[in-house]
Amino acid sequence: MKKTYFKLLAFAPGLLAAPAAVAGIIVSAPVDVIGNLPLAQFTADGYATNTYKDWGNEPYVAVNPLNTSEIFVSSFSYSTSSTSSGANVFRSTNGGTSWSSLFTVPAPANGVTIPNDWNFAYNSAGVLHGTILGSDGNIYQGATANPTSLAAWSYTGGGTPINTASRGLSDQPWITLSGSNVFVAYDAFQAGFVNPTERVAVSTNNGTTFARDNPISNGARANSVNPGTRIKTDAAGNVYSIFGVGSTTATPGVHNVTYYLNRSRDGGVTWDFNGSSAVGGIVIDSGVSTQLCNSCTQASNNWFANVNDLRGNITAIAPDSTGSHVYALIGKRDANGVDRIYLVSYQAVGANLVQTHEIVVSPAGQRAALPAITVKDDGSVVLMYEAFNTQDGKVHVHVASSDDFGATISSDIDEYSFTPLTLAQATGSTTSNREFGDYLFLTSVGDTFYGVFAGLGNVNAGGINTTGLIDPFFFSGVDAVPEPGSLALLSTALFGLGFLRRRRRTG
């Protein structure tokens, strides 16, 4: 859960995707979203002059499948508590080269401040859906066919919460779509925000109503970490979930965490692997993990890069389109006591999911966090994570891929690196605890993937200076080596764009 600054208001993925995954990926240079707004919007909306400068916190990206040049990005920017003025989001109509600032997502009811958490997805008809946590601790679902219009946004039930359990005590909603089904996972806490149950609310009529809200696991359980519940569907509409359950150690902010995988093949009515463990779900792995330190302060902490307490766990999940392979990213310490990111792969064997590989993907000696993952239509896996290098004091954003069902990593690109601001510089607060938030995000349409992360701005030209801001960054990518018939077309696209590359860029 994250408080946001309040404001009162009355590349390019057009690249031809390679048809086969061969030896890695090509990724566009990241685009600073705030730095590529029109000057008039940048100035009028006060991005450079506000005390709050953490505009990229918890970025999320959605891509319109009917027009992949239309990109929608959300973050923790300006919030709203009004039904007649909107919270701040960003939109590009040219594949992410330039952006517009929009204030078009209203509060579900006057007095309910949003966002405390939110994420979005387009359905196959090009309608944008969003799941939003309000300041009242409830979860709302809305949709729009026109993201540029405040009036076009509509909420389920006119602004009725969709979480039937844990009213006022819910957290971390996560959305995925399949046909007319809208799935929203969330953590349902008990009084005092303890003992959460992981749940999924389901609409079978494009979000008009949510008649189903069932637990993913076997019920409420003591947990020293946030579950970090994440879900994703395959092309058949099966739903896959991941979450973590922890217990404390003698060291504040260090936990023993076990990660669980589950699947529903009947639209969230039942979950296949609740009998596989006492908690409910297949045990992915267990390990020591540094996250969620309630007693830490800005002056004394074990946070990621010293500026980001990991209060949303270290989890990500994605199936391939057929559901024959499922991939999970988790965080745990290696044998040397360093927190790293692991890729765990599963294959469907009959009605079971059988683990085939577990590999470490982040660099040795560098603490890693904030994983994201997607599987392209060609079956290749693309993942993203951040690693903090104490030698240069920078956060390095990595984009990696696997072309052999998670057995090995075929490429790992240091997409962007930057020195974080202090939390006081980024947020204007001496008590804030997350400069980047609880997640970053990857998605794919066909064989092109799209990602967002929070990073130090890199634009200082034309009256716009973002070098003292934490902004959302956008990038896209394709396979490195297309089949021969596509080589000429891809080469033309790369030449025209100019900013595509396969190596590191620093900030």
Protein backbone atom coordinates (compact mmCIF):
# COMPACT_ATOMS: atom_id res chain seq x y z
CA MET A 1 0.00 0.00 0.00
CA LYS A 2 1.40 3.39 -0.96
CA LYS A 3 0.37 6.97 -0.24
CA THR A 4 0.62 9.32 -3.19
CA TYR A 5 0.98 13.05 -3.69
CA PHE A 6 -2.37 14.79 -4.17
CA LYS A 7 -3.19 17.36 -6.81
CA LEU A 8 -6.49 19.19 -7.28
CA LEU A 9 -7.58 19.56 -10.91
CA ALA A 10 -11.35 20.92 -11.94
CA PHE A 11 11.39 2.75 -29.95
CA ALA A 12 9.00 1.84 -30.73
CA PRO A 13 6.83 -1.30 -30.60
CA GLY A 14 5.99 -0.91 -34.26
CA LEU A 15 8.98 -3.16 -34.88
CA LEU A 16 8.14 -6.34 -36.70
CA ALA A 17 8.31 -9.19 -34.22
CA ALA A 18 10.62 -12.06 -35.05
CA PRO A 19 8.72 -15.29 -35.66
CA ALA A 20 11.17 -17.50 -33.77
CA ALA A 21 13.21 -17.06 -30.62
CA VAL A 22 16.90 -17.39 -31.43
CA ALA A 23 19.75 -16.49 -29.09
CA GLY A 24 18.48 -13.51 -27.21
CA ILE A 25 16.61 -10.27 -27.68
CA ILE A 26 16.92 -6.74 -28.98
CA VAL A 27 15.63 -4.07 -26.59
CA SER A 28 14.94 -0.42 -27.33
CA ALA A 29 16.67 2.27 -25.31
CA PRO A 30 14.41 3.19 -22.39
CA VAL A 31 12.25 6.28 -22.85
CA ASP A 32 11.83 8.65 -19.91
CA VAL A 33 8.04 9.15 -19.90
CA ILE A 34 8.03 12.43 -17.94
CA GLY A 35 10.97 13.69 -19.98
CA ASN A 36 9.05 13.14 -23.21
CA LEU A 37 5.88 15.00 -22.30
CA PRO A 38 5.01 18.23 -24.10
CA LEU A 39 6.81 21.13 -22.41
CA ALA A 40 3.49 22.81 -21.60
CA GLN A 41 2.26 19.73 -19.71
CA PHE A 42 5.58 19.19 -17.95
CA THR A 43 5.51 22.78 -16.72
CA ALA A 44 1.81 23.16 -15.92
CA ASP A 45 1.61 19.88 -14.02
CA GLY A 46 4.57 20.80 -11.83
CA TYR A 47 6.63 17.65 -12.23
CA ALA A 48 9.89 19.54 -11.67
CA THR A 49 8.71 22.01 -9.03
CA ASN A 50 6.85 19.80 -6.56
CA THR A 51 8.58 18.58 -3.42
CA TYR A 52 7.39 15.09 -4.38
CA LYS A 53 9.55 13.83 -7.24
CA ASP A 54 8.83 10.09 -7.19
CA TRP A 55 6.70 10.02 -10.35
CA GLY A 56 7.79 6.53 -11.42
CA ASN A 57 6.89 4.61 -8.27
CA GLU A 58 5.23 1.24 -9.08
CA PRO A 59 4.99 1.64 -12.86
CA TYR A 60 2.68 -0.54 -14.92
CA VAL A 61 2.15 -0.80 -18.68
CA ALA A 62 -0.81 -1.90 -20.80
CA VAL A 63 -0.76 -2.19 -24.60
CA ASN A 64 -3.83 -2.03 -26.82
CA PRO A 65 -3.81 -5.27 -28.88
CA LEU A 66 -5.86 -3.61 -31.62
CA ASN A 67 -3.29 -0.83 -31.99
CA THR A 68 0.05 -1.59 -30.36
CA SER A 69 1.16 2.01 -30.88
CA GLU A 70 -1.27 2.92 -28.09
CA ILE A 71 0.56 2.45 -24.78
CA PHE A 72 -0.87 3.21 -21.33
CA VAL A 73 1.39 3.66 -18.29
CA SER A 74 0.39 4.16 -14.67
CA SER A 75 2.51 4.96 -11.64
CA PHE A 76 2.20 6.70 -8.28
CA SER A 77 1.95 10.22 -9.56
CA TYR A 78 -0.84 12.69 -8.74
CA SER A 79 -3.80 11.17 -6.93
CA THR A 80 -7.42 12.22 -6.55
CA SER A 81 -10.26 11.83 -4.06
CA SER A 82 -12.91 13.28 -6.34
CA THR A 83 -15.31 11.80 -8.88
CA SER A 84 -14.99 14.96 -10.97
CA SER A 85 -11.19 15.13 -11.26
CA GLY A 86 -8.83 12.33 -12.19
CA ALA A 87 -5.66 10.69 -10.96
CA ASN A 88 -2.60 11.00 -13.20
CA VAL A 89 -1.70 8.44 -15.88
CA PHE A 90 0.29 8.57 -19.14
CA ARG A 91 -0.48 7.61 -22.74
CA SER A 92 1.47 7.31 -25.96
CA THR A 93 -0.02 6.96 -29.43
CA ASN A 94 3.28 6.45 -31.27
CA GLY A 95 4.61 3.34 -29.59
CA GLY A 96 6.27 5.07 -26.65
CA THR A 97 8.36 7.72 -28.38
CA SER A 98 6.42 10.63 -26.86
CA TRP A 99 3.79 10.83 -24.13
CA SER A 100 0.82 12.77 -22.84
CA SER A 101 -0.11 13.37 -19.22
CA LEU A 102 -3.75 12.53 -18.46
CA PHE A 103 -5.94 13.05 -15.38
CA THR A 104 -8.73 10.72 -16.43
CA VAL A 105 -9.22 8.08 -13.72
CA PRO A 106 -11.72 9.43 -11.18
CA ALA A 107 -12.19 8.27 -7.60
CA PRO A 108 -14.84 5.54 -7.17
CA ALA A 109 -16.57 7.80 -4.64
CA ASN A 110 -15.91 11.26 -3.28
CA GLY A 111 -13.52 11.04 -0.36
CA VAL A 112 -11.88 7.77 -1.45
CA THR A 113 -8.34 8.64 -2.51
CA ILE A 114 -6.79 6.69 -5.37
CA PRO A 115 -4.41 5.14 -6.14
CA ASN A 116 -3.12 3.26 -3.14
CA ASP A 117 -2.33 0.42 -5.58
CA TRP A 118 -3.44 -0.05 -9.17
CA ASN A 119 -2.73 -1.87 -12.43
CA PHE A 120 -4.34 -2.12 -15.85
CA ALA A 121 -4.90 -4.37 -18.88
CA TYR A 122 -6.55 -4.06 -22.28
CA ASN A 123 -9.00 -6.73 -23.35
CA SER A 124 -9.17 -8.17 -26.87
CA ALA A 125 -11.73 -5.50 -27.86
CA GLY A 126 -9.37 -2.67 -26.95
CA VAL A 127 -11.18 -1.73 -23.72
CA LEU A 128 -8.88 -0.73 -20.86
CA HIS A 129 -9.62 -2.32 -17.47
CA GLY A 130 -8.09 -1.28 -14.15
CA THR A 131 -8.11 -2.61 -10.62
CA ILE A 132 -7.60 0.03 -7.96
CA LEU A 133 -7.05 0.01 -4.20
CA GLY A 134 -8.69 2.95 -2.46
CA SER A 135 -7.67 4.74 0.73
CA ASP A 136 -10.58 2.93 2.43
CA GLY A 137 -8.81 -0.43 2.04
CA ASN A 138 -11.25 -1.67 -0.60
CA ILE A 139 -10.70 -2.73 -4.20
CA TYR A 140 -12.50 -1.31 -7.20
CA GLN A 141 -12.62 -2.30 -10.87
CA GLY A 142 -13.21 0.12 -13.69
CA ALA A 143 -13.00 0.26 -17.46
CA THR A 144 -12.93 2.70 -20.35
CA ALA A 145 -12.99 2.60 -24.13
CA ASN A 146 -11.38 6.06 -24.18
CA PRO A 147 -8.47 6.57 -21.75
CA THR A 148 -8.32 10.28 -22.62
CA SER A 149 -11.80 10.97 -21.21
CA LEU A 150 -12.64 11.29 -17.51
CA ALA A 151 -16.34 10.88 -18.31
CA ALA A 152 -15.73 7.64 -20.21
CA TRP A 153 -14.42 5.84 -17.13
CA SER A 154 -16.96 3.63 -15.36
CA TYR A 155 -16.69 1.56 -12.18
CA THR A 156 -18.29 -1.80 -11.45
CA GLY A 157 -21.53 -1.16 -9.59
CA GLY A 158 -21.08 2.59 -9.91
CA GLY A 159 -18.13 2.45 -7.54
CA THR A 160 -18.96 -0.57 -5.39
CA PRO A 161 -15.98 -2.51 -3.95
CA ILE A 162 -15.43 -5.90 -5.58
CA ASN A 163 -13.67 -7.48 -2.58
CA THR A 164 -16.44 -9.36 -0.79
CA ALA A 165 -13.98 -10.54 1.87
CA SER A 166 -11.88 -8.32 4.09
CA ARG A 167 -13.73 -5.06 3.49
CA GLY A 168 -11.46 -2.22 4.49
CA LEU A 169 -8.49 -4.55 4.96
CA SER A 170 -7.48 -5.54 1.43
CA ASP A 171 -4.21 -4.88 -0.36
CA GLN A 172 -2.14 -5.42 -3.54
CA PRO A 173 -4.80 -6.00 -6.25
CA TRP A 174 -3.53 -7.59 -9.48
CA ILE A 175 -5.50 -7.90 -12.72
CA THR A 176 -5.52 -10.34 -15.63
CA LEU A 177 -8.09 -10.80 -18.42
CA SER A 178 -9.34 -13.65 -20.58
CA GLY A 179 -12.21 -13.10 -23.01
CA SER A 180 -15.08 -11.61 -21.02
CA ASN A 181 -13.55 -12.75 -17.73
CA VAL A 182 -11.84 -10.25 -15.44
CA PHE A 183 -9.73 -11.74 -12.64
CA VAL A 184 -8.54 -9.60 -9.73
CA ALA A 185 -6.25 -11.18 -7.13
CA TYR A 186 -5.79 -9.50 -3.77
CA ASP A 187 -4.63 -10.04 -0.20
CA ALA A 188 -7.50 -10.23 2.28
CA PHE A 189 -6.20 -9.35 5.76
CA GLN A 190 -7.83 -9.73 9.14
CA ALA A 191 -8.08 -6.98 11.77
CA GLY A 192 -4.71 -5.36 12.35
CA PHE A 193 -3.61 -6.29 8.82
CA VAL A 194 -2.51 -9.77 9.92
CA ASN A 195 -3.06 -13.34 8.71
CA PRO A 196 -3.94 -12.73 5.05
CA THR A 197 -5.83 -15.00 2.70
CA GLU A 198 -4.96 -14.85 -0.99
CA ARG A 199 -8.13 -14.45 -3.06
CA VAL A 200 -9.36 -13.90 -6.63
CA ALA A 201 -12.52 -11.97 -7.47
CA VAL A 202 -13.99 -12.89 -10.87
CA SER A 203 -16.30 -11.18 -13.32
CA THR A 204 -17.65 -13.23 -16.23
CA ASN A 205 -19.30 -10.26 -17.96
CA ASN A 206 -16.46 -7.82 -18.65
CA GLY A 207 -16.53 -6.30 -15.19
CA THR A 208 -20.24 -5.49 -15.03
CA THR A 209 -20.56 -7.60 -11.89
CA PHE A 210 -18.21 -9.68 -9.73
CA ALA A 211 -20.24 -12.64 -8.51
CA ARG A 212 -17.28 -14.84 -7.53
CA ASP A 213 -14.62 -14.21 -4.88
CA ASN A 214 -12.77 -17.33 -3.74
CA PRO A 215 -9.53 -18.08 -1.89
CA ILE A 216 -6.51 -19.27 -3.85
CA SER A 217 -5.05 -20.97 -0.80
CA ASN A 218 -6.42 -22.98 2.13
CA GLY A 219 -7.33 -19.91 4.17
CA ALA A 220 -5.92 -17.28 6.49
CA ARG A 221 -2.43 -17.88 7.80
CA ALA A 222 0.15 -16.01 9.84
CA ASN A 223 2.60 -14.38 7.46
CA SER A 224 5.57 -12.16 8.27
CA VAL A 225 5.74 -10.82 4.69
CA ASN A 226 3.22 -9.51 2.21
CA PRO A 227 2.12 -12.48 0.05
CA GLY A 228 2.90 -10.62 -3.18
CA THR A 229 -0.02 -12.40 -4.85
CA ARG A 230 0.29 -12.25 -8.65
CA ILE A 231 -1.86 -13.94 -11.32
CA LYS A 232 -1.80 -14.49 -15.09
CA THR A 233 -3.99 -16.34 -17.59
CA ASP A 234 -3.11 -18.48 -20.60
CA ALA A 235 -4.99 -18.38 -23.92
CA ALA A 236 -7.48 -20.99 -22.69
CA GLY A 237 -8.42 -18.86 -19.69
CA ASN A 238 -6.66 -20.94 -17.04
CA VAL A 239 -5.43 -18.79 -14.16
CA TYR A 240 -2.01 -19.19 -12.51
CA SER A 241 -1.07 -17.68 -9.18
CA ILE A 242 2.02 -17.19 -7.05
CA PHE A 243 2.38 -15.95 -3.47
CA GLY A 244 4.78 -16.21 -0.55
CA VAL A 245 4.40 -17.06 3.14
CA GLY A 246 7.11 -16.06 5.59
CA SER A 247 8.21 -16.41 9.18
CA THR A 248 10.52 -14.04 11.00
CA THR A 249 14.14 -14.60 11.97
CA ALA A 250 16.16 -12.93 14.70
CA THR A 251 17.22 -10.20 12.24
CA PRO A 252 14.62 -7.52 11.47
CA GLY A 253 13.59 -7.59 7.83
CA VAL A 254 14.98 -11.07 7.22
CA HIS A 255 12.45 -13.87 6.80
CA ASN A 256 12.18 -17.53 5.92
CA VAL A 257 9.89 -17.48 2.90
CA THR A 258 8.15 -20.31 1.04
CA TYR A 259 6.68 -19.62 -2.39
CA TYR A 260 3.54 -21.34 -3.73
CA LEU A 261 2.11 -21.94 -7.22
CA ASN A 262 -1.54 -22.67 -7.94
CA ARG A 263 -3.82 -22.96 -10.97
CA SER A 264 -7.56 -22.74 -11.66
CA ARG A 265 -9.05 -24.31 -14.77
CA ASP A 266 -12.66 -23.35 -14.03
CA GLY A 267 -12.50 -19.57 -13.82
CA GLY A 268 -11.40 -19.29 -10.20
CA VAL A 269 -14.10 -21.55 -8.76
CA THR A 270 -11.60 -24.15 -7.56
CA TRP A 271 -7.79 -24.34 -7.42
CA ASP A 272 -6.04 -27.47 -8.58
CA PHE A 273 -3.23 -27.74 -6.05
CA ASN A 274 -4.76 -26.77 -2.71
CA GLY A 275 -4.13 -30.33 -1.58
CA SER A 276 -0.43 -30.18 -2.50
CA SER A 277 0.54 -28.40 0.73
CA ALA A 278 -0.93 -27.33 4.05
CA VAL A 279 -0.94 -23.70 2.90
CA GLY A 280 -2.46 -24.62 -0.48
CA GLY A 281 -0.52 -24.78 -3.73
CA ILE A 282 2.64 -26.41 -5.06
CA VAL A 283 5.72 -25.50 -3.04
CA ILE A 284 8.03 -23.74 -5.52
CA ASP A 285 10.95 -23.31 -3.13
CA SER A 286 11.92 -21.89 0.25
CA GLY A 287 14.75 -19.69 1.39
CA VAL A 288 15.91 -16.77 3.44
CA SER A 289 14.81 -13.44 1.99
CA THR A 290 15.44 -9.81 2.95
CA GLN A 291 12.17 -7.90 2.70
CA LEU A 292 9.55 -6.00 4.73
CA CYS A 293 11.39 -4.44 7.63
CA ASN A 294 8.83 -2.63 9.79
CA SER A 295 11.44 -1.45 12.29
CA CYS A 296 13.79 0.03 9.66
CA THR A 297 14.16 3.76 9.08
CA GLN A 298 15.75 5.89 6.39
CA ALA A 299 18.77 6.27 8.64
CA SER A 300 19.08 2.58 9.46
CA ASN A 301 17.75 -0.07 7.10
CA ASN A 302 18.45 -3.16 5.02
CA TRP A 303 16.26 -2.00 2.13
CA PHE A 304 17.04 -2.66 -1.52
CA ALA A 305 19.57 -0.02 -2.68
CA ASN A 306 19.01 1.55 0.76
CA VAL A 307 15.87 3.27 -0.55
CA ASN A 308 13.25 0.58 -1.17
CA ASP A 309 11.72 -1.66 1.45
CA LEU A 310 10.31 -4.71 -0.35
CA ARG A 311 6.77 -4.69 0.98
CA GLY A 312 5.18 -6.57 -1.91
CA ASN A 313 7.33 -9.71 -1.77
CA ILE A 314 9.58 -10.87 -4.65
CA THR A 315 7.24 -12.75 -7.01
CA ALA A 316 6.26 -12.90 -10.68
CA ILE A 317 4.47 -15.51 -12.80
CA ALA A 318 3.66 -16.15 -16.47
CA PRO A 319 2.45 -19.18 -18.45
CA ASP A 320 2.94 -19.66 -22.16
CA SER A 321 -0.16 -19.26 -24.30
CA THR A 322 -1.00 -22.98 -24.20
CA GLY A 323 -0.38 -23.51 -20.49
CA SER A 324 2.14 -26.23 -21.29
CA HIS A 325 4.91 -24.28 -19.55
CA VAL A 326 4.67 -22.01 -16.52
CA TYR A 327 7.44 -19.78 -15.18
CA ALA A 328 7.90 -18.22 -11.75
CA LEU A 329 10.41 -15.69 -10.46
CA ILE A 330 11.21 -15.69 -6.75
CA GLY A 331 13.73 -14.05 -4.44
CA LYS A 332 15.98 -15.80 -1.93
CA ARG A 333 19.55 -15.77 -0.67
CA ASP A 334 22.25 -17.83 -2.34
CA ALA A 335 24.92 -19.85 -0.53
CA ASN A 336 26.91 -16.65 0.04
CA GLY A 337 24.02 -14.88 1.73
CA VAL A 338 23.18 -12.59 -1.22
CA ASP A 339 19.54 -12.04 -2.18
CA ARG A 340 19.15 -13.04 -5.84
CA ILE A 341 16.41 -13.76 -8.39
CA TYR A 342 15.65 -17.35 -9.42
CA LEU A 343 13.69 -18.58 -12.44
CA VAL A 344 11.68 -21.74 -11.74
CA SER A 345 10.09 -23.58 -14.68
CA TYR A 346 7.18 -26.02 -14.81
CA GLN A 347 5.77 -28.25 -17.52
CA ALA A 348 2.20 -29.50 -17.68
CA VAL A 349 2.11 -33.30 -17.47
CA GLY A 350 -1.47 -34.43 -17.58
CA ALA A 351 -3.29 -32.51 -14.87
CA ASN A 352 -0.05 -31.83 -12.98
CA LEU A 353 2.60 -29.13 -13.17
CA VAL A 354 6.06 -30.66 -12.84
CA GLN A 355 9.11 -28.56 -12.02
CA THR A 356 11.78 -28.91 -14.71
CA HIS A 357 14.40 -26.28 -13.85
CA GLU A 358 15.43 -23.79 -11.21
CA ILE A 359 18.25 -21.41 -12.12
CA VAL A 360 19.65 -18.25 -10.63
CA VAL A 361 19.44 -15.36 -13.11
CA SER A 362 20.81 -12.26 -11.34
CA PRO A 363 24.56 -11.47 -11.03
CA ALA A 364 26.58 -13.00 -8.22
CA GLY A 365 27.44 -10.62 -5.41
CA GLN A 366 24.64 -8.16 -6.22
CA ARG A 367 21.38 -7.98 -4.34
CA ALA A 368 18.44 -8.31 -6.74
CA ALA A 369 14.72 -7.62 -6.45
CA LEU A 370 11.57 -6.44 -8.29
CA PRO A 371 11.15 -9.27 -10.85
CA ALA A 372 8.75 -9.29 -13.80
CA ILE A 373 8.17 -11.89 -16.52
CA THR A 374 6.26 -12.50 -19.74
CA VAL A 375 6.14 -15.28 -22.35
CA LYS A 376 5.88 -14.27 -26.00
CA ASP A 377 3.70 -16.16 -28.48
CA ASP A 378 6.77 -17.94 -29.86
CA GLY A 379 7.37 -19.46 -26.40
CA SER A 380 10.48 -17.50 -25.47
CA VAL A 381 10.60 -16.14 -21.95
CA VAL A 382 11.51 -12.52 -21.20
CA LEU A 383 12.20 -11.37 -17.67
CA MET A 384 13.26 -8.20 -15.91
CA TYR A 385 14.77 -7.53 -12.51
CA GLU A 386 16.88 -4.94 -10.72
CA ALA A 387 20.28 -5.50 -9.14
CA PHE A 388 22.15 -3.12 -6.84
CA ASN A 389 25.90 -2.99 -7.39
CA THR A 390 27.68 -1.70 -4.28
CA GLN A 391 30.84 -1.14 -6.34
CA ASP A 392 29.33 1.69 -8.38
CA GLY A 393 26.40 2.52 -6.08
CA LYS A 394 23.92 2.09 -8.93
CA VAL A 395 20.72 0.20 -9.56
CA HIS A 396 21.01 -1.83 -12.77
CA VAL A 397 17.81 -2.73 -14.61
CA HIS A 398 18.29 -6.05 -16.39
CA VAL A 399 16.21 -7.49 -19.25
CA ALA A 400 16.95 -11.17 -19.89
CA SER A 401 15.57 -14.03 -21.95
CA SER A 402 15.44 -17.81 -22.13
CA ASP A 403 14.90 -19.74 -25.35
CA ASP A 404 14.97 -23.26 -23.90
CA PHE A 405 12.00 -23.34 -21.52
CA GLY A 406 13.92 -21.83 -18.62
CA ALA A 407 16.88 -24.20 -18.67
CA THR A 408 19.37 -21.40 -19.37
CA ILE A 409 19.47 -17.64 -19.86
CA SER A 410 20.27 -16.84 -23.50
CA SER A 411 20.81 -13.10 -23.01
CA ASP A 412 20.94 -10.59 -20.17
CA ILE A 413 21.04 -6.90 -21.08
CA ASP A 414 21.95 -4.15 -18.62
CA GLU A 415 19.13 -1.97 -19.89
CA TYR A 416 19.63 1.09 -17.66
CA SER A 417 21.57 2.05 -14.56
CA PHE A 418 21.27 5.00 -12.22
CA THR A 419 22.19 6.29 -8.79
CA PRO A 420 19.02 6.52 -6.69
CA LEU A 421 17.93 9.73 -5.05
CA THR A 422 17.68 9.68 -1.29
CA LEU A 423 14.15 8.91 -0.14
CA ALA A 424 13.83 12.42 1.26
CA GLN A 425 14.85 13.86 -2.12
CA ALA A 426 12.44 11.62 -4.02
CA THR A 427 9.39 11.88 -1.79
CA GLY A 428 9.90 14.98 0.33
CA SER A 429 9.29 12.81 3.38
CA THR A 430 11.62 11.57 6.10
CA THR A 431 9.40 8.56 6.82
CA SER A 432 8.72 7.15 3.33
CA ASN A 433 10.19 3.72 2.67
CA ARG A 434 9.87 2.94 -1.06
CA GLU A 435 11.41 4.92 -3.90
CA PHE A 436 10.54 2.32 -6.55
CA GLY A 437 7.52 0.66 -4.95
CA ASP A 438 6.54 -3.00 -4.86
CA TYR A 439 6.86 -3.96 -8.53
CA LEU A 440 7.79 -3.14 -12.10
CA PHE A 441 6.09 -4.83 -15.07
CA LEU A 442 6.51 -6.68 -18.36
CA THR A 443 3.85 -7.70 -20.86
CA SER A 444 3.80 -8.95 -24.45
CA VAL A 445 1.54 -8.81 -27.49
CA GLY A 446 2.41 -11.47 -30.03
CA ASP A 447 6.19 -11.65 -30.17
CA THR A 448 6.88 -8.09 -29.02
CA PHE A 449 7.38 -7.35 -25.33
CA TYR A 450 6.92 -4.11 -23.40
CA GLY A 451 8.26 -3.08 -20.01
CA VAL A 452 8.34 -0.27 -17.47
CA PHE A 453 10.51 0.54 -14.48
CA ALA A 454 11.23 3.49 -12.19
CA GLY A 455 14.56 5.24 -12.73
CA LEU A 456 16.39 8.54 -12.43
CA GLY A 457 15.36 10.84 -15.26
CA ASN A 458 17.80 11.38 -18.14
CA VAL A 459 16.35 14.31 -20.12
CA ASN A 460 17.75 17.84 -19.92
CA ALA A 461 16.77 19.66 -23.09
CA GLY A 462 14.13 21.99 -24.50
CA GLY A 463 13.15 23.35 -21.10
CA ILE A 464 12.57 19.89 -19.58
CA ASN A 465 14.98 18.65 -16.93
CA THR A 466 14.23 15.29 -15.30
CA THR A 467 17.69 14.54 -13.95
CA GLY A 468 16.49 15.13 -10.39
CA LEU A 469 13.29 13.07 -10.73
CA ILE A 470 12.39 9.40 -10.43
CA ASP A 471 10.33 8.76 -13.56
CA PRO A 472 8.57 5.86 -15.25
CA PHE A 473 10.68 4.49 -18.11
CA PHE A 474 9.26 2.53 -21.05
CA PHE A 475 10.94 0.13 -23.46
CA SER A 476 10.00 -2.58 -25.94
CA GLY A 477 11.81 -5.43 -27.64
CA VAL A 478 11.84 -8.35 -30.05
CA ASP A 479 13.91 -11.46 -30.71
CA ALA A 480 17.50 -10.82 -31.72
CA VAL A 481 17.58 -12.97 -34.86
CA PRO A 482 14.43 -13.22 -36.98
CA GLU A 483 13.84 -15.80 -39.66
CA PRO A 484 15.38 -14.86 -43.04
CA GLY A 485 12.13 -13.59 -44.56
CA SER A 486 11.86 -10.89 -41.90
CA LEU A 487 15.48 -9.75 -41.85
CA ALA A 488 15.15 -6.98 -44.41
CA LEU A 489 12.03 -5.54 -42.83
CA LEU A 490 13.49 -5.67 -39.34
CA SER A 491 16.75 -4.08 -40.51
CA THR A 492 14.77 -1.22 -42.04
CA ALA A 493 12.86 -0.73 -38.79
CA LEU A 494 16.05 -0.75 -36.72
CA PHE A 495 17.75 1.75 -39.03
CA GLY A 496 14.79 4.10 -38.87
CA LEU A 497 14.54 3.99 -35.11
CA GLY A 498 18.21 4.47 -34.45
CA PHE A 499 17.93 3.98 -30.72
CA LEU A 500 17.71 0.20 -30.59
CA ARG A 501 20.64 -1.62 -29.14
CA ARG A 502 21.75 -4.71 -27.31
CA ARG A 503 24.15 -3.27 -24.80
CA ARG A 504 24.19 -1.22 -21.69
CA ARG A 505 23.10 2.35 -21.29
CA THR A 506 23.84 4.21 -18.10
CA GLY A 507 22.08 7.13 -16.47
